[in-house]
């Protein structure tokens, strides 16, 4: 029997960066996304939200329980992080 493994092409399994159950990373910081973020923040009346994405989001192999973004201060439930995700 031949083993067949299917995965997304962007899944960096072969170079050792990702191990299950790593949370992965945001991949949304190009100039177009940042332009959209700036416009949305201005429309919302929050210029302090224009320049960066959420902080303390962990890295590729982090567990949710290790990352402030998934609980605690600055979590995805805070005003800014909720705005960013919507």
N, C-alpha and C. Protein backbone atom coordinates (compact mmCIF):
# COMPACT_ATOMS: atom_id res chain seq x y z
N UNK A 1 0.83 -1.17 0.00
CA UNK A 1 0.00 0.00 0.00
C UNK A 1 0.89 1.25 0.00
N UNK A 2 0.56 2.17 -0.85
CA UNK A 2 1.34 3.40 -0.96
C UNK A 2 0.72 4.49 -0.10
N UNK A 3 1.55 5.21 0.65
CA UNK A 3 1.07 6.28 1.52
C UNK A 3 1.00 7.57 0.71
N UNK A 4 -0.13 8.24 0.79
CA UNK A 4 -0.31 9.50 0.07
C UNK A 4 -0.62 10.59 1.09
N UNK A 5 0.11 11.66 1.04
CA UNK A 5 -0.10 12.76 1.97
C UNK A 5 -0.50 14.00 1.19
N UNK A 6 -1.69 14.53 1.48
CA UNK A 6 -2.16 15.75 0.84
C UNK A 6 -2.06 16.90 1.82
N UNK A 7 -1.65 18.05 1.33
CA UNK A 7 -1.55 19.23 2.18
C UNK A 7 -1.57 20.47 1.30
N UNK A 8 -1.78 21.62 1.94
CA UNK A 8 -1.72 22.87 1.20
C UNK A 8 -0.27 23.13 0.79
N UNK A 9 -0.08 23.73 -0.34
CA UNK A 9 1.26 24.00 -0.85
C UNK A 9 2.04 24.94 0.07
N UNK A 10 1.36 25.85 0.75
CA UNK A 10 2.04 26.81 1.61
C UNK A 10 2.36 26.22 2.99
N UNK A 11 1.98 25.01 3.21
CA UNK A 11 2.21 24.35 4.50
C UNK A 11 3.68 23.97 4.61
N UNK A 12 4.45 24.65 5.49
CA UNK A 12 5.91 24.46 5.53
C UNK A 12 6.35 23.25 6.36
N UNK A 13 5.81 22.10 6.07
CA UNK A 13 6.13 20.90 6.84
C UNK A 13 7.57 20.43 6.61
N UNK A 14 8.01 20.46 5.38
CA UNK A 14 9.31 19.91 5.03
C UNK A 14 10.50 20.62 5.65
N UNK A 15 10.37 21.91 5.94
CA UNK A 15 11.52 22.62 6.51
C UNK A 15 11.49 22.66 8.03
N UNK A 16 10.54 22.00 8.66
CA UNK A 16 10.51 21.87 10.10
C UNK A 16 9.92 23.05 10.86
N UNK A 17 9.37 24.06 10.16
CA UNK A 17 8.81 25.22 10.87
C UNK A 17 7.50 24.90 11.56
N UNK A 18 6.70 24.00 11.02
CA UNK A 18 5.37 23.75 11.56
C UNK A 18 5.29 22.37 12.18
N UNK A 19 4.69 22.32 13.35
CA UNK A 19 4.43 21.04 14.02
C UNK A 19 3.02 21.10 14.55
N UNK A 20 2.25 20.08 14.33
CA UNK A 20 0.88 20.04 14.84
C UNK A 20 0.90 20.10 16.34
N UNK A 21 0.09 20.87 17.00
CA UNK A 21 -0.99 21.73 16.53
C UNK A 21 -0.61 23.20 16.53
N UNK A 22 0.43 23.59 15.87
CA UNK A 22 0.82 24.99 15.81
C UNK A 22 -0.29 25.86 15.26
N UNK A 23 -0.38 27.09 15.72
CA UNK A 23 -1.48 27.98 15.33
C UNK A 23 -1.26 28.65 13.99
N UNK A 24 -0.04 28.65 13.49
CA UNK A 24 0.25 29.34 12.24
C UNK A 24 0.52 30.81 12.49
N UNK A 25 0.45 31.63 11.44
CA UNK A 25 0.72 33.06 11.56
C UNK A 25 -0.21 33.85 10.65
N UNK A 26 -0.45 35.12 11.04
CA UNK A 26 -1.17 36.01 10.14
C UNK A 26 -0.31 36.26 8.92
N UNK A 27 -0.93 36.24 7.74
CA UNK A 27 -0.21 36.53 6.51
C UNK A 27 -0.97 37.62 5.77
N UNK A 28 -0.96 38.80 6.36
CA UNK A 28 -1.82 39.86 5.82
C UNK A 28 -1.18 41.24 5.92
N UNK A 29 0.13 41.31 5.88
CA UNK A 29 0.78 42.60 6.10
C UNK A 29 1.39 43.20 4.84
N UNK A 30 0.80 42.92 3.69
CA UNK A 30 1.32 43.56 2.49
C UNK A 30 0.79 45.00 2.39
N UNK A 31 1.27 45.75 1.42
CA UNK A 31 0.90 47.17 1.33
C UNK A 31 -0.59 47.37 1.07
N UNK A 32 -1.24 46.44 0.39
CA UNK A 32 -2.66 46.58 0.09
C UNK A 32 -3.51 46.36 1.35
N UNK A 33 -3.16 45.36 2.12
CA UNK A 33 -3.88 45.11 3.36
C UNK A 33 -3.69 46.27 4.33
N UNK A 34 -2.47 46.76 4.42
CA UNK A 34 -2.20 47.87 5.34
C UNK A 34 -2.93 49.14 4.89
N UNK A 35 -3.08 49.34 3.59
CA UNK A 35 -3.88 50.46 3.08
C UNK A 35 -5.34 50.33 3.45
N UNK A 36 -5.88 49.11 3.33
CA UNK A 36 -7.27 48.86 3.73
C UNK A 36 -7.45 49.08 5.23
N UNK A 37 -6.48 48.62 6.02
CA UNK A 37 -6.54 48.80 7.47
C UNK A 37 -6.56 50.29 7.82
N UNK A 38 -5.72 51.07 7.16
CA UNK A 38 -5.65 52.52 7.42
C UNK A 38 -7.00 53.19 7.11
N UNK A 39 -7.59 52.85 5.97
CA UNK A 39 -8.88 53.44 5.60
C UNK A 39 -9.97 53.04 6.59
N UNK A 40 -10.01 51.78 6.96
CA UNK A 40 -11.03 51.31 7.90
C UNK A 40 -10.88 51.95 9.27
N UNK A 41 -9.64 52.10 9.74
CA UNK A 41 -9.40 52.73 11.04
C UNK A 41 -9.85 54.19 11.02
N UNK A 42 -9.57 54.89 9.94
CA UNK A 42 -9.99 56.29 9.83
C UNK A 42 -11.51 56.38 9.81
N UNK A 43 -12.14 55.49 9.06
CA UNK A 43 -13.59 55.48 8.99
C UNK A 43 -14.20 55.20 10.36
N UNK A 44 -13.54 54.38 11.14
CA UNK A 44 -13.99 54.03 12.49
C UNK A 44 -13.66 55.14 13.51
N UNK A 45 -12.86 56.13 13.08
CA UNK A 45 -12.47 57.22 13.97
C UNK A 45 -11.39 56.80 14.96
N UNK A 46 -10.53 55.84 14.55
CA UNK A 46 -9.48 55.31 15.42
C UNK A 46 -8.13 55.39 14.70
N UNK A 47 -7.56 56.59 14.55
CA UNK A 47 -6.28 56.71 13.84
C UNK A 47 -5.15 55.93 14.50
N UNK A 48 -5.24 55.65 15.79
CA UNK A 48 -4.21 54.88 16.47
C UNK A 48 -4.18 53.41 16.00
N UNK A 49 -5.18 52.98 15.26
CA UNK A 49 -5.24 51.60 14.78
C UNK A 49 -4.73 51.46 13.34
N UNK A 50 -4.23 52.54 12.74
CA UNK A 50 -3.87 52.55 11.32
C UNK A 50 -2.60 51.80 10.95
N UNK A 51 -1.63 51.72 11.81
CA UNK A 51 -0.28 51.37 11.41
C UNK A 51 0.19 49.94 11.66
N UNK A 52 -0.56 49.14 12.42
CA UNK A 52 -0.04 47.80 12.71
C UNK A 52 -1.18 46.82 12.96
N UNK A 53 -0.86 45.57 12.79
CA UNK A 53 -1.80 44.51 13.08
C UNK A 53 -1.75 44.14 14.54
N UNK A 54 -2.49 43.12 14.93
CA UNK A 54 -2.49 42.70 16.33
C UNK A 54 -1.11 42.27 16.80
N UNK A 55 -0.83 42.53 18.06
CA UNK A 55 0.44 42.17 18.67
C UNK A 55 0.25 40.92 19.53
N UNK A 56 1.33 40.32 19.90
CA UNK A 56 1.32 39.15 20.79
C UNK A 56 0.45 38.03 20.23
N UNK A 57 0.66 37.72 18.94
CA UNK A 57 -0.12 36.67 18.28
C UNK A 57 0.62 35.34 18.22
N UNK A 58 1.81 35.27 18.79
CA UNK A 58 2.56 34.02 18.78
C UNK A 58 3.32 33.82 17.49
N UNK A 59 3.79 32.62 17.31
CA UNK A 59 4.50 32.27 16.08
C UNK A 59 3.95 30.95 15.55
N UNK A 60 4.52 30.48 14.48
CA UNK A 60 4.02 29.31 13.77
C UNK A 60 3.71 28.11 14.67
N UNK A 61 4.58 27.81 15.60
CA UNK A 61 4.41 26.60 16.41
C UNK A 61 3.80 26.85 17.78
N UNK A 62 3.36 28.08 18.06
CA UNK A 62 2.76 28.38 19.35
C UNK A 62 1.47 27.58 19.56
N UNK A 63 1.18 27.30 20.81
CA UNK A 63 -0.10 26.71 21.17
C UNK A 63 -1.04 27.85 21.57
N UNK A 64 -2.33 27.73 21.32
CA UNK A 64 -3.26 28.81 21.70
C UNK A 64 -3.14 29.21 23.17
N UNK A 65 -2.93 28.26 24.04
CA UNK A 65 -2.84 28.55 25.47
C UNK A 65 -1.60 29.37 25.83
N UNK A 66 -0.63 29.47 24.94
CA UNK A 66 0.61 30.21 25.19
C UNK A 66 0.58 31.64 24.65
N UNK A 67 -0.49 32.00 23.95
CA UNK A 67 -0.52 33.24 23.19
C UNK A 67 -1.58 34.20 23.75
N UNK A 68 -1.17 35.42 24.16
CA UNK A 68 -2.14 36.38 24.69
C UNK A 68 -3.29 36.70 23.74
N UNK A 69 -3.07 36.60 22.44
CA UNK A 69 -4.13 36.90 21.47
C UNK A 69 -5.35 36.01 21.68
N UNK A 70 -5.17 34.80 22.19
CA UNK A 70 -6.28 33.86 22.37
C UNK A 70 -6.89 33.91 23.76
N UNK A 71 -6.44 34.83 24.59
CA UNK A 71 -7.01 34.99 25.92
C UNK A 71 -6.24 36.02 26.71
N UNK A 72 -6.91 36.72 27.59
CA UNK A 72 -6.23 37.72 28.40
C UNK A 72 -6.24 39.08 27.75
N UNK A 73 -5.41 39.99 28.27
CA UNK A 73 -5.34 41.36 27.77
C UNK A 73 -4.81 41.36 26.34
N UNK A 74 -5.47 42.09 25.46
CA UNK A 74 -5.07 42.13 24.06
C UNK A 74 -5.56 40.93 23.27
N UNK A 75 -6.56 40.24 23.81
CA UNK A 75 -7.06 39.05 23.11
C UNK A 75 -7.92 39.45 21.91
N UNK A 76 -8.31 38.47 21.14
CA UNK A 76 -9.13 38.72 19.96
C UNK A 76 -10.50 39.31 20.33
N UNK A 77 -10.83 39.33 21.62
CA UNK A 77 -12.10 39.90 22.07
C UNK A 77 -11.98 41.39 22.41
N UNK A 78 -10.77 41.93 22.44
CA UNK A 78 -10.60 43.36 22.74
C UNK A 78 -11.06 44.18 21.52
N UNK A 79 -11.30 45.45 21.75
CA UNK A 79 -11.85 46.32 20.70
C UNK A 79 -11.00 46.30 19.43
N UNK A 80 -9.68 46.54 19.56
CA UNK A 80 -8.85 46.61 18.37
C UNK A 80 -8.75 45.27 17.65
N UNK A 81 -8.48 44.20 18.37
CA UNK A 81 -8.31 42.90 17.73
C UNK A 81 -9.60 42.46 17.05
N UNK A 82 -10.72 42.73 17.68
CA UNK A 82 -12.02 42.40 17.06
C UNK A 82 -12.21 43.21 15.77
N UNK A 83 -11.86 44.50 15.82
CA UNK A 83 -11.91 45.35 14.62
C UNK A 83 -11.02 44.78 13.52
N UNK A 84 -9.80 44.38 13.88
CA UNK A 84 -8.86 43.86 12.90
C UNK A 84 -9.39 42.60 12.23
N UNK A 85 -9.99 41.72 12.99
CA UNK A 85 -10.47 40.45 12.43
C UNK A 85 -11.70 40.62 11.56
N UNK A 86 -12.48 41.65 11.82
CA UNK A 86 -13.70 41.87 11.03
C UNK A 86 -13.31 42.57 9.76
